[in-house]
Amino acid sequence: MKTKIEEIDGKFIVTLEGEMDTAAAEEAEKELKALYKSEGKDVIIECGGLEYIASSGLRILILILKGAKANGSKVTLKNVNDDIMDVFKLTGFTTLFDFE
């Protein structure tokens, strides 16, 4: 699992690649924890390279969303593949996040 965070034009751009299974989510959380306080900046999460997400990965995304909303920001998930979109649909997360 690879994660990358950049700040571009006043937004946090996050790139996720690989499989965010339970073990990988633990490491990813350490890297993404800074986004729990988005500092009023929108967060865009590029999911084009994300192949799998476990419930622990979904929890991380919810914590990012919670922090963003508390600061008046939004979280957008981009390029989510069909398999991961199915997970979002099954969990009801499609009503929580913006998708592009």
PDB file of N, CA and C in Angstrom:
ATOM      1  N   MET A   1       0.847  -1.176   0.000  1.00  0.00           N
ATOM      2  CA  MET A   1       0.000   0.000   0.000  1.00  0.00           C
ATOM      3  C   MET A   1       0.886   1.230   0.000  1.00  0.00           C
ATOM      4  N   LYS A   2       0.624   2.114  -0.936  1.00  0.00           N
ATOM      5  CA  LYS A   2       1.345   3.381  -1.009  1.00  0.00           C
ATOM      6  C   LYS A   2       0.368   4.521  -0.790  1.00  0.00           C
ATOM      7  N   THR A   3       0.805   5.494  -0.005  1.00  0.00           N
ATOM      8  CA  THR A   3       0.019   6.702   0.184  1.00  0.00           C
ATOM      9  C   THR A   3       0.912   7.906  -0.072  1.00  0.00           C
ATOM     10  N   LYS A   4       0.298   8.941  -0.594  1.00  0.00           N
ATOM     11  CA  LYS A   4       1.043  10.171  -0.868  1.00  0.00           C
ATOM     12  C   LYS A   4       0.109  11.336  -0.593  1.00  0.00           C
ATOM     13  N   ILE A   5       0.611  12.335   0.130  1.00  0.00           N
ATOM     14  CA  ILE A   5      -0.173  13.529   0.430  1.00  0.00           C
ATOM     15  C   ILE A   5       0.578  14.738  -0.112  1.00  0.00           C
ATOM     16  N   GLU A   6      -0.141  15.561  -0.868  1.00  0.00           N
ATOM     17  CA  GLU A   6       0.412  16.813  -1.381  1.00  0.00           C
ATOM     18  C   GLU A   6      -0.579  17.928  -1.078  1.00  0.00           C
ATOM     19  N   GLU A   7      -0.073  19.126  -0.955  1.00  0.00           N
ATOM     20  CA  GLU A   7      -0.959  20.278  -0.848  1.00  0.00           C
ATOM     21  C   GLU A   7      -0.798  21.085  -2.124  1.00  0.00           C
ATOM     22  N   ILE A   8      -1.890  21.171  -2.888  1.00  0.00           N
ATOM     23  CA  ILE A   8      -1.877  21.862  -4.172  1.00  0.00           C
ATOM     24  C   ILE A   8      -3.067  22.812  -4.212  1.00  0.00           C
ATOM     25  N   ASP A   9      -2.802  24.068  -4.514  1.00  0.00           N
ATOM     26  CA  ASP A   9      -3.849  25.086  -4.637  1.00  0.00           C
ATOM     27  C   ASP A   9      -4.787  25.118  -3.420  1.00  0.00           C
ATOM     28  N   GLY A  10      -4.218  24.985  -2.230  1.00  0.00           N
ATOM     29  CA  GLY A  10      -5.012  25.074  -1.016  1.00  0.00           C
ATOM     30  C   GLY A  10      -5.865  23.851  -0.715  1.00  0.00           C
ATOM     31  N   LYS A  11      -5.571  22.740  -1.384  1.00  0.00           N
ATOM     32  CA  LYS A  11      -6.294  21.487  -1.145  1.00  0.00           C
ATOM     33  C   LYS A  11      -5.286  20.391  -0.848  1.00  0.00           C
ATOM     34  N   PHE A  12      -5.715  19.429  -0.040  1.00  0.00           N
ATOM     35  CA  PHE A  12      -4.896  18.243   0.179  1.00  0.00           C
ATOM     36  C   PHE A  12      -5.262  17.216  -0.887  1.00  0.00           C
ATOM     37  N   ILE A  13      -4.267  16.751  -1.614  1.00  0.00           N
ATOM     38  CA  ILE A  13      -4.462  15.720  -2.623  1.00  0.00           C
ATOM     39  C   ILE A  13      -3.798  14.449  -2.090  1.00  0.00           C
ATOM     40  N   VAL A  14      -4.594  13.409  -1.932  1.00  0.00           N
ATOM     41  CA  VAL A  14      -4.112  12.140  -1.394  1.00  0.00           C
ATOM     42  C   VAL A  14      -4.190  11.100  -2.495  1.00  0.00           C
ATOM     43  N   THR A  15      -3.111  10.364  -2.689  1.00  0.00           N
ATOM     44  CA  THR A  15      -3.109   9.280  -3.667  1.00  0.00           C
ATOM     45  C   THR A  15      -2.966   7.962  -2.914  1.00  0.00           C
ATOM     46  N   LEU A  16      -3.888   7.049  -3.175  1.00  0.00           N
ATOM     47  CA  LEU A  16      -3.852   5.718  -2.567  1.00  0.00           C
ATOM     48  C   LEU A  16      -3.607   4.691  -3.661  1.00  0.00           C
ATOM     49  N   GLU A  17      -2.652   3.801  -3.421  1.00  0.00           N
ATOM     50  CA  GLU A  17      -2.354   2.747  -4.400  1.00  0.00           C
ATOM     51  C   GLU A  17      -2.168   1.424  -3.678  1.00  0.00           C
ATOM     52  N   GLY A  18      -2.704   0.362  -4.286  1.00  0.00           N
ATOM     53  CA  GLY A  18      -2.532  -0.972  -3.735  1.00  0.00           C
ATOM     54  C   GLY A  18      -3.753  -1.426  -2.963  1.00  0.00           C
ATOM     55  N   GLU A  19      -3.513  -2.321  -2.012  1.00  0.00           N
ATOM     56  CA  GLU A  19      -4.585  -2.906  -1.227  1.00  0.00           C
ATOM     57  C   GLU A  19      -4.537  -2.370   0.204  1.00  0.00           C
ATOM     58  N   MET A  20      -5.629  -1.752   0.639  1.00  0.00           N
ATOM     59  CA  MET A  20      -5.705  -1.263   2.002  1.00  0.00           C
ATOM     60  C   MET A  20      -6.407  -2.324   2.849  1.00  0.00           C
ATOM     61  N   ASP A  21      -5.677  -3.428   3.076  1.00  0.00           N
ATOM     62  CA  ASP A  21      -6.198  -4.457   3.966  1.00  0.00           C
ATOM     63  C   ASP A  21      -5.920  -4.028   5.401  1.00  0.00           C
ATOM     64  N   THR A  22      -6.236  -4.872   6.361  1.00  0.00           N
ATOM     65  CA  THR A  22      -6.117  -4.501   7.765  1.00  0.00           C
ATOM     66  C   THR A  22      -4.680  -4.128   8.133  1.00  0.00           C
ATOM     67  N   ALA A  23      -3.721  -4.916   7.686  1.00  0.00           N
ATOM     68  CA  ALA A  23      -2.317  -4.632   8.009  1.00  0.00           C
ATOM     69  C   ALA A  23      -1.850  -3.335   7.355  1.00  0.00           C
ATOM     70  N   ALA A  24      -2.188  -3.134   6.110  1.00  0.00           N
ATOM     71  CA  ALA A  24      -1.769  -1.924   5.395  1.00  0.00           C
ATOM     72  C   ALA A  24      -2.480  -0.688   5.939  1.00  0.00           C
ATOM     73  N   ALA A  25      -3.705  -0.852   6.394  1.00  0.00           N
ATOM     74  CA  ALA A  25      -4.464   0.287   6.920  1.00  0.00           C
ATOM     75  C   ALA A  25      -3.803   0.848   8.168  1.00  0.00           C
ATOM     76  N   GLU A  26      -3.197  -0.004   8.959  1.00  0.00           N
ATOM     77  CA  GLU A  26      -2.514   0.467  10.169  1.00  0.00           C
ATOM     78  C   GLU A  26      -1.374   1.425   9.813  1.00  0.00           C
ATOM     79  N   GLU A  27      -0.603   1.076   8.815  1.00  0.00           N
ATOM     80  CA  GLU A  27       0.494   1.944   8.364  1.00  0.00           C
ATOM     81  C   GLU A  27      -0.053   3.190   7.664  1.00  0.00           C
ATOM     82  N   ALA A  28      -1.080   2.999   6.852  1.00  0.00           N
ATOM     83  CA  ALA A  28      -1.679   4.131   6.134  1.00  0.00           C
ATOM     84  C   ALA A  28      -2.263   5.142   7.112  1.00  0.00           C
ATOM     85  N   GLU A  29      -2.825   4.656   8.208  1.00  0.00           N
ATOM     86  CA  GLU A  29      -3.408   5.581   9.184  1.00  0.00           C
ATOM     87  C   GLU A  29      -2.343   6.494   9.773  1.00  0.00           C
ATOM     88  N   LYS A  30      -1.170   5.975  10.026  1.00  0.00           N
ATOM     89  CA  LYS A  30      -0.079   6.803  10.546  1.00  0.00           C
ATOM     90  C   LYS A  30       0.239   7.937   9.584  1.00  0.00           C
ATOM     91  N   GLU A  31       0.222   7.647   8.297  1.00  0.00           N
ATOM     92  CA  GLU A  31       0.545   8.648   7.285  1.00  0.00           C
ATOM     93  C   GLU A  31      -0.610   9.623   7.037  1.00  0.00           C
ATOM     94  N   LEU A  32      -1.836   9.130   7.156  1.00  0.00           N
ATOM     95  CA  LEU A  32      -3.004   9.948   6.832  1.00  0.00           C
ATOM     96  C   LEU A  32      -3.603  10.662   8.042  1.00  0.00           C
ATOM     97  N   LYS A  33      -3.123  10.344   9.222  1.00  0.00           N
ATOM     98  CA  LYS A  33      -3.685  10.914  10.450  1.00  0.00           C
ATOM     99  C   LYS A  33      -3.674  12.445  10.445  1.00  0.00           C
ATOM    100  N   ALA A  34      -2.694  13.034   9.785  1.00  0.00           N
ATOM    101  CA  ALA A  34      -2.631  14.498   9.698  1.00  0.00           C
ATOM    102  C   ALA A  34      -3.881  15.072   9.039  1.00  0.00           C
ATOM    103  N   LEU A  35      -4.540  14.290   8.204  1.00  0.00           N
ATOM    104  CA  LEU A  35      -5.738  14.767   7.505  1.00  0.00           C
ATOM    105  C   LEU A  35      -6.976  14.753   8.395  1.00  0.00           C
ATOM    106  N   TYR A  36      -6.888  14.168   9.576  1.00  0.00           N
ATOM    107  CA  TYR A  36      -8.028  14.172  10.490  1.00  0.00           C
ATOM    108  C   TYR A  36      -8.371  15.601  10.896  1.00  0.00           C
ATOM    109  N   LYS A  37      -7.397  16.498  10.771  1.00  0.00           N
ATOM    110  CA  LYS A  37      -7.616  17.928  10.996  1.00  0.00           C
ATOM    111  C   LYS A  37      -7.235  18.621   9.690  1.00  0.00           C
ATOM    112  N   SER A  38      -8.171  18.748   8.809  1.00  0.00           N
ATOM    113  CA  SER A  38      -7.887  19.225   7.454  1.00  0.00           C
ATOM    114  C   SER A  38      -7.589  20.717   7.378  1.00  0.00           C
ATOM    115  N   GLU A  39      -7.640  21.408   8.517  1.00  0.00           N
ATOM    116  CA  GLU A  39      -7.288  22.825   8.576  1.00  0.00           C
ATOM    117  C   GLU A  39      -8.135  23.684   7.642  1.00  0.00           C
ATOM    118  N   GLY A  40      -9.372  23.275   7.400  1.00  0.00           N
ATOM    119  CA  GLY A  40     -10.252  24.060   6.539  1.00  0.00           C
ATOM    120  C   GLY A  40     -10.007  23.884   5.057  1.00  0.00           C
ATOM    121  N   LYS A  41      -9.167  22.923   4.694  1.00  0.00           N
ATOM    122  CA  LYS A  41      -8.865  22.681   3.280  1.00  0.00           C
ATOM    123  C   LYS A  41      -9.624  21.445   2.812  1.00  0.00           C
ATOM    124  N   ASP A  42     -10.121  21.516   1.583  1.00  0.00           N
ATOM    125  CA  ASP A  42     -10.774  20.344   1.002  1.00  0.00           C
ATOM    126  C   ASP A  42      -9.758  19.234   0.803  1.00  0.00           C
ATOM    127  N   VAL A  43     -10.253  18.001   0.847  1.00  0.00           N
ATOM    128  CA  VAL A  43      -9.407  16.823   0.663  1.00  0.00           C
ATOM    129  C   VAL A  43      -9.905  16.065  -0.557  1.00  0.00           C
ATOM    130  N   ILE A  44      -9.014  15.819  -1.491  1.00  0.00           N
ATOM    131  CA  ILE A  44      -9.329  15.015  -2.670  1.00  0.00           C
ATOM    132  C   ILE A  44      -8.519  13.730  -2.569  1.00  0.00           C
ATOM    133  N   ILE A  45      -9.221  12.608  -2.596  1.00  0.00           N
ATOM    134  CA  ILE A  45      -8.560  11.313  -2.471  1.00  0.00           C
ATOM    135  C   ILE A  45      -8.640  10.599  -3.814  1.00  0.00           C
ATOM    136  N   GLU A  46      -7.488  10.438  -4.441  1.00  0.00           N
ATOM    137  CA  GLU A  46      -7.369   9.769  -5.740  1.00  0.00           C
ATOM    138  C   GLU A  46      -7.309   8.264  -5.484  1.00  0.00           C
ATOM    139  N   CYS A  47      -8.341   7.559  -5.936  1.00  0.00           N
ATOM    140  CA  CYS A  47      -8.461   6.125  -5.671  1.00  0.00           C
ATOM    141  C   CYS A  47      -8.218   5.266  -6.909  1.00  0.00           C
ATOM    142  N   GLY A  48      -7.738   5.842  -7.988  1.00  0.00           N
ATOM    143  CA  GLY A  48      -7.548   5.093  -9.224  1.00  0.00           C
ATOM    144  C   GLY A  48      -6.633   3.901  -9.075  1.00  0.00           C
ATOM    145  N   GLY A  49      -5.668   3.963  -8.164  1.00  0.00           N
ATOM    146  CA  GLY A  49      -4.739   2.857  -7.947  1.00  0.00           C
ATOM    147  C   GLY A  49      -5.106   1.976  -6.768  1.00  0.00           C
ATOM    148  N   LEU A  50      -6.230   2.277  -6.113  1.00  0.00           N
ATOM    149  CA  LEU A  50      -6.671   1.495  -4.962  1.00  0.00           C
ATOM    150  C   LEU A  50      -7.387   0.245  -5.455  1.00  0.00           C
ATOM    151  N   GLU A  51      -6.885  -0.912  -5.051  1.00  0.00           N
ATOM    152  CA  GLU A  51      -7.416  -2.182  -5.549  1.00  0.00           C
ATOM    153  C   GLU A  51      -8.370  -2.866  -4.580  1.00  0.00           C
ATOM    154  N   TYR A  52      -8.243  -2.553  -3.294  1.00  0.00           N
ATOM    155  CA  TYR A  52      -9.046  -3.222  -2.265  1.00  0.00           C
ATOM    156  C   TYR A  52      -9.076  -2.327  -1.041  1.00  0.00           C
ATOM    157  N   ILE A  53     -10.188  -2.346  -0.304  1.00  0.00           N
ATOM    158  CA  ILE A  53     -10.266  -1.617   0.955  1.00  0.00           C
ATOM    159  C   ILE A  53     -11.020  -2.454   1.981  1.00  0.00           C
ATOM    160  N   ALA A  54     -10.413  -2.628   3.146  1.00  0.00           N
ATOM    161  CA  ALA A  54     -11.024  -3.356   4.255  1.00  0.00           C
ATOM    162  C   ALA A  54     -11.784  -2.376   5.136  1.00  0.00           C
ATOM    163  N   SER A  55     -12.510  -2.882   6.103  1.00  0.00           N
ATOM    164  CA  SER A  55     -13.280  -2.024   7.000  1.00  0.00           C
ATOM    165  C   SER A  55     -12.377  -1.055   7.754  1.00  0.00           C
ATOM    166  N   SER A  56     -11.162  -1.471   8.054  1.00  0.00           N
ATOM    167  CA  SER A  56     -10.234  -0.562   8.743  1.00  0.00           C
ATOM    168  C   SER A  56      -9.855   0.618   7.844  1.00  0.00           C
ATOM    169  N   GLY A  57      -9.798   0.399   6.551  1.00  0.00           N
ATOM    170  CA  GLY A  57      -9.550   1.485   5.605  1.00  0.00           C
ATOM    171  C   GLY A  57     -10.742   2.416   5.507  1.00  0.00           C
ATOM    172  N   LEU A  58     -11.941   1.848   5.542  1.00  0.00           N
ATOM    173  CA  LEU A  58     -13.156   2.669   5.525  1.00  0.00           C
ATOM    174  C   LEU A  58     -13.213   3.563   6.762  1.00  0.00           C
ATOM    175  N   ARG A  59     -12.782   3.030   7.896  1.00  0.00           N
ATOM    176  CA  ARG A  59     -12.761   3.809   9.132  1.00  0.00           C
ATOM    177  C   ARG A  59     -11.851   5.028   8.994  1.00  0.00           C
ATOM    178  N   ILE A  60     -10.702   4.843   8.354  1.00  0.00           N
ATOM    179  CA  ILE A  60      -9.770   5.951   8.134  1.00  0.00           C
ATOM    180  C   ILE A  60     -10.433   7.039   7.285  1.00  0.00           C
ATOM    181  N   LEU A  61     -11.117   6.631   6.234  1.00  0.00           N
ATOM    182  CA  LEU A  61     -11.792   7.606   5.369  1.00  0.00           C
ATOM    183  C   LEU A  61     -12.879   8.368   6.126  1.00  0.00           C
ATOM    184  N   ILE A  62     -13.599   7.673   7.005  1.00  0.00           N
ATOM    185  CA  ILE A  62     -14.638   8.324   7.802  1.00  0.00           C
ATOM    186  C   ILE A  62     -14.021   9.343   8.762  1.00  0.00           C
ATOM    187  N   LEU A  63     -12.877   8.999   9.354  1.00  0.00           N
ATOM    188  CA  LEU A  63     -12.219   9.938  10.266  1.00  0.00           C
ATOM    189  C   LEU A  63     -11.715  11.172   9.524  1.00  0.00           C
ATOM    190  N   ILE A  64     -11.236  10.979   8.303  1.00  0.00           N
ATOM    191  CA  ILE A  64     -10.824  12.121   7.472  1.00  0.00           C
ATOM    192  C   ILE A  64     -12.046  12.991   7.168  1.00  0.00           C
ATOM    193  N   LEU A  65     -13.151  12.356   6.798  1.00  0.00           N
ATOM    194  CA  LEU A  65     -14.392  13.079   6.493  1.00  0.00           C
ATOM    195  C   LEU A  65     -14.897  13.842   7.711  1.00  0.00           C
ATOM    196  N   LYS A  66     -14.869  13.198   8.862  1.00  0.00           N
ATOM    197  CA  LYS A  66     -15.338  13.840  10.095  1.00  0.00           C
ATOM    198  C   LYS A  66     -14.516  15.095  10.403  1.00  0.00           C
ATOM    199  N   GLY A  67     -13.198  14.992  10.279  1.00  0.00           N
ATOM    200  CA  GLY A  67     -12.340  16.146  10.526  1.00  0.00           C
ATOM    201  C   GLY A  67     -12.558  17.260   9.524  1.00  0.00           C
ATOM    202  N   ALA A  68     -12.744  16.881   8.272  1.00  0.00           N
ATOM    203  CA  ALA A  68     -12.966  17.882   7.223  1.00  0.00           C
ATOM    204  C   ALA A  68     -14.271  18.629   7.460  1.00  0.00           C
ATOM    205  N   LYS A  69     -15.342  17.902   7.733  1.00  0.00           N
ATOM    206  CA  LYS A  69     -16.645  18.543   7.944  1.00  0.00           C
ATOM    207  C   LYS A  69     -16.622  19.459   9.164  1.00  0.00           C
ATOM    208  N   ALA A  70     -15.879  19.065  10.188  1.00  0.00           N
ATOM    209  CA  ALA A  70     -15.781  19.893  11.391  1.00  0.00           C
ATOM    210  C   ALA A  70     -15.108  21.229  11.095  1.00  0.00           C
ATOM    211  N   ASN A  71     -14.312  21.267  10.032  1.00  0.00           N
ATOM    212  CA  ASN A  71     -13.604  22.484   9.645  1.00  0.00           C
ATOM    213  C   ASN A  71     -14.211  23.144   8.411  1.00  0.00           C
ATOM    214  N   GLY A  72     -15.415  22.721   8.013  1.00  0.00           N
ATOM    215  CA  GLY A  72     -16.088  23.327   6.874  1.00  0.00           C
ATOM    216  C   GLY A  72     -15.543  22.904   5.522  1.00  0.00           C
ATOM    217  N   SER A  73     -14.839  21.786   5.486  1.00  0.00           N
ATOM    218  CA  SER A  73     -14.252  21.286   4.232  1.00  0.00           C
ATOM    219  C   SER A  73     -15.038  20.090   3.724  1.00  0.00           C
ATOM    220  N   LYS A  74     -14.717  19.687   2.520  1.00  0.00           N
ATOM    221  CA  LYS A  74     -15.358  18.491   1.976  1.00  0.00           C
ATOM    222  C   LYS A  74     -14.286  17.506   1.514  1.00  0.00           C
ATOM    223  N   VAL A  75     -14.706  16.262   1.394  1.00  0.00           N
ATOM    224  CA  VAL A  75     -13.831  15.187   0.932  1.00  0.00           C
ATOM    225  C   VAL A  75     -14.430  14.627  -0.347  1.00  0.00           C
ATOM    226  N   THR A  76     -13.613  14.549  -1.379  1.00  0.00           N
ATOM    227  CA  THR A  76     -14.041  14.007  -2.666  1.00  0.00           C
ATOM    228  C   THR A  76     -13.187  12.796  -2.997  1.00  0.00           C
ATOM    229  N   LEU A  77     -13.837  11.704  -3.368  1.00  0.00           N
ATOM    230  CA  LEU A  77     -13.138  10.500  -3.811  1.00  0.00           C
ATOM    231  C   LEU A  77     -13.182  10.463  -5.331  1.00  0.00           C
ATOM    232  N   LYS A  78     -12.023  10.314  -5.951  1.00  0.00           N
ATOM    233  CA  LYS A  78     -11.939  10.332  -7.411  1.00  0.00           C
ATOM    234  C   LYS A  78     -11.510   8.971  -7.942  1.00  0.00           C
ATOM    235  N   ASN A  79     -12.048   8.631  -9.095  1.00  0.00           N
ATOM    236  CA  ASN A  79     -11.649   7.450  -9.859  1.00  0.00           C
ATOM    237  C   ASN A  79     -11.755   6.154  -9.062  1.00  0.00           C
ATOM    238  N   VAL A  80     -12.857   6.003  -8.339  1.00  0.00           N
ATOM    239  CA  VAL A  80     -13.091   4.786  -7.566  1.00  0.00           C
ATOM    240  C   VAL A  80     -13.508   3.676  -8.531  1.00  0.00           C
ATOM    241  N   ASN A  81     -12.811   2.528  -8.467  1.00  0.00           N
ATOM    242  CA  ASN A  81     -13.151   1.433  -9.380  1.00  0.00           C
ATOM    243  C   ASN A  81     -14.466   0.764  -8.958  1.00  0.00           C
ATOM    244  N   ASP A  82     -15.008  -0.068  -9.821  1.00  0.00           N
ATOM    245  CA  ASP A  82     -16.319  -0.678  -9.588  1.00  0.00           C
ATOM    246  C   ASP A  82     -16.366  -1.534  -8.333  1.00  0.00           C
ATOM    247  N   ASP A  83     -15.314  -2.311  -8.078  1.00  0.00           N
ATOM    248  CA  ASP A  83     -15.304  -3.185  -6.905  1.00  0.00           C
ATOM    249  C   ASP A  83     -15.345  -2.386  -5.611  1.00  0.00           C
ATOM    250  N   ILE A  84     -14.559  -1.331  -5.554  1.00  0.00           N
ATOM    251  CA  ILE A  84     -14.544  -0.513  -4.340  1.00  0.00           C
ATOM    252  C   ILE A  84     -15.832   0.301  -4.238  1.00  0.00           C
ATOM    253  N   MET A  85     -16.380   0.732  -5.354  1.00  0.00           N
ATOM    254  CA  MET A  85     -17.663   1.439  -5.327  1.00  0.00           C
ATOM    255  C   MET A  85     -18.756   0.517  -4.774  1.00  0.00           C
ATOM    256  N   ASP A  86     -18.680  -0.768  -5.102  1.00  0.00           N
ATOM    257  CA  ASP A  86     -19.643  -1.727  -4.543  1.00  0.00           C
ATOM    258  C   ASP A  86     -19.558  -1.762  -3.018  1.00  0.00           C
ATOM    259  N   VAL A  87     -18.339  -1.698  -2.484  1.00  0.00           N
ATOM    260  CA  VAL A  87     -18.153  -1.672  -1.032  1.00  0.00           C
ATOM    261  C   VAL A  87     -18.794  -0.415  -0.454  1.00  0.00           C
ATOM    262  N   PHE A  88     -18.588   0.719  -1.102  1.00  0.00           N
ATOM    263  CA  PHE A  88     -19.191   1.969  -0.632  1.00  0.00           C
ATOM    264  C   PHE A  88     -20.711   1.893  -0.685  1.00  0.00           C
ATOM    265  N   LYS A  89     -21.248   1.276  -1.723  1.00  0.00           N
ATOM    266  CA  LYS A  89     -22.708   1.139  -1.829  1.00  0.00           C
ATOM    267  C   LYS A  89     -23.249   0.240  -0.722  1.00  0.00           C
ATOM    268  N   LEU A  90     -22.573  -0.888  -0.470  1.00  0.00           N
ATOM    269  CA  LEU A  90     -23.023  -1.836   0.548  1.00  0.00           C
ATOM    270  C   LEU A  90     -22.992  -1.226   1.949  1.00  0.00           C
ATOM    271  N   THR A  91     -22.044  -0.366   2.200  1.00  0.00           N
ATOM    272  CA  THR A  91     -21.901   0.239   3.525  1.00  0.00           C
ATOM    273  C   THR A  91     -22.682   1.546   3.665  1.00  0.00           C
ATOM    274  N   GLY A  92     -23.259   2.033   2.575  1.00  0.00           N
ATOM    275  CA  GLY A  92     -23.997   3.278   2.613  1.00  0.00           C
ATOM    276  C   GLY A  92     -23.114   4.515   2.526  1.00  0.00           C
ATOM    277  N   PHE A  93     -21.830   4.316   2.254  1.00  0.00           N
ATOM    278  CA  PHE A  93     -20.892   5.435   2.196  1.00  0.00           C
ATOM    279  C   PHE A  93     -21.106   6.333   0.981  1.00  0.00           C
ATOM    280  N   THR A  94     -21.864   5.868   0.009  1.00  0.00           N
ATOM    281  CA  THR A  94     -22.093   6.713  -1.176  1.00  0.00           C
ATOM    282  C   THR A  94     -22.898   7.956  -0.812  1.00  0.00           C
ATOM    283  N   THR A  95     -23.596   7.923   0.303  1.00  0.00           N
ATOM    284  CA  THR A  95     -24.351   9.101   0.733  1.00  0.00           C
ATOM    285  C   THR A  95     -23.494  10.057   1.547  1.00  0.00           C
ATOM    286  N   LEU A  96     -22.324   9.619   1.970  1.00  0.00           N
ATOM    287  CA  LEU A  96     -21.466  10.443   2.821  1.00  0.00           C
ATOM    288  C   LEU A  96     -20.428  11.240   2.051  1.00  0.00           C
ATOM    289  N   PHE A  97     -19.906  10.643   0.990  1.00  0.00           N
ATOM    290  CA  PHE A  97     -18.790  11.241   0.251  1.00  0.00           C
ATOM    291  C   PHE A  97     -19.266  11.806  -1.078  1.00  0.00           C
ATOM    292  N   ASP A  98     -18.493  12.759  -1.598  1.00  0.00           N
ATOM    293  CA  ASP A  98     -18.663  13.232  -2.971  1.00  0.00           C
ATOM    294  C   ASP A  98     -17.764  12.378  -3.849  1.00  0.00           C
ATOM    295  N   PHE A  99     -18.224  12.032  -5.034  1.00  0.00           N
ATOM    296  CA  PHE A  99     -17.453  11.202  -5.965  1.00  0.00           C
ATOM    297  C   PHE A  99     -17.274  11.924  -7.286  1.00  0.00           C
ATOM    298  N   GLU A 100     -16.123  11.729  -7.878  1.00  0.00           N
ATOM    299  CA  GLU A 100     -15.857  12.235  -9.240  1.00  0.00           C
ATOM    300  C   GLU A 100     -15.299  11.103 -10.059  1.00  0.00           C
TER     301      GLU A 100
END
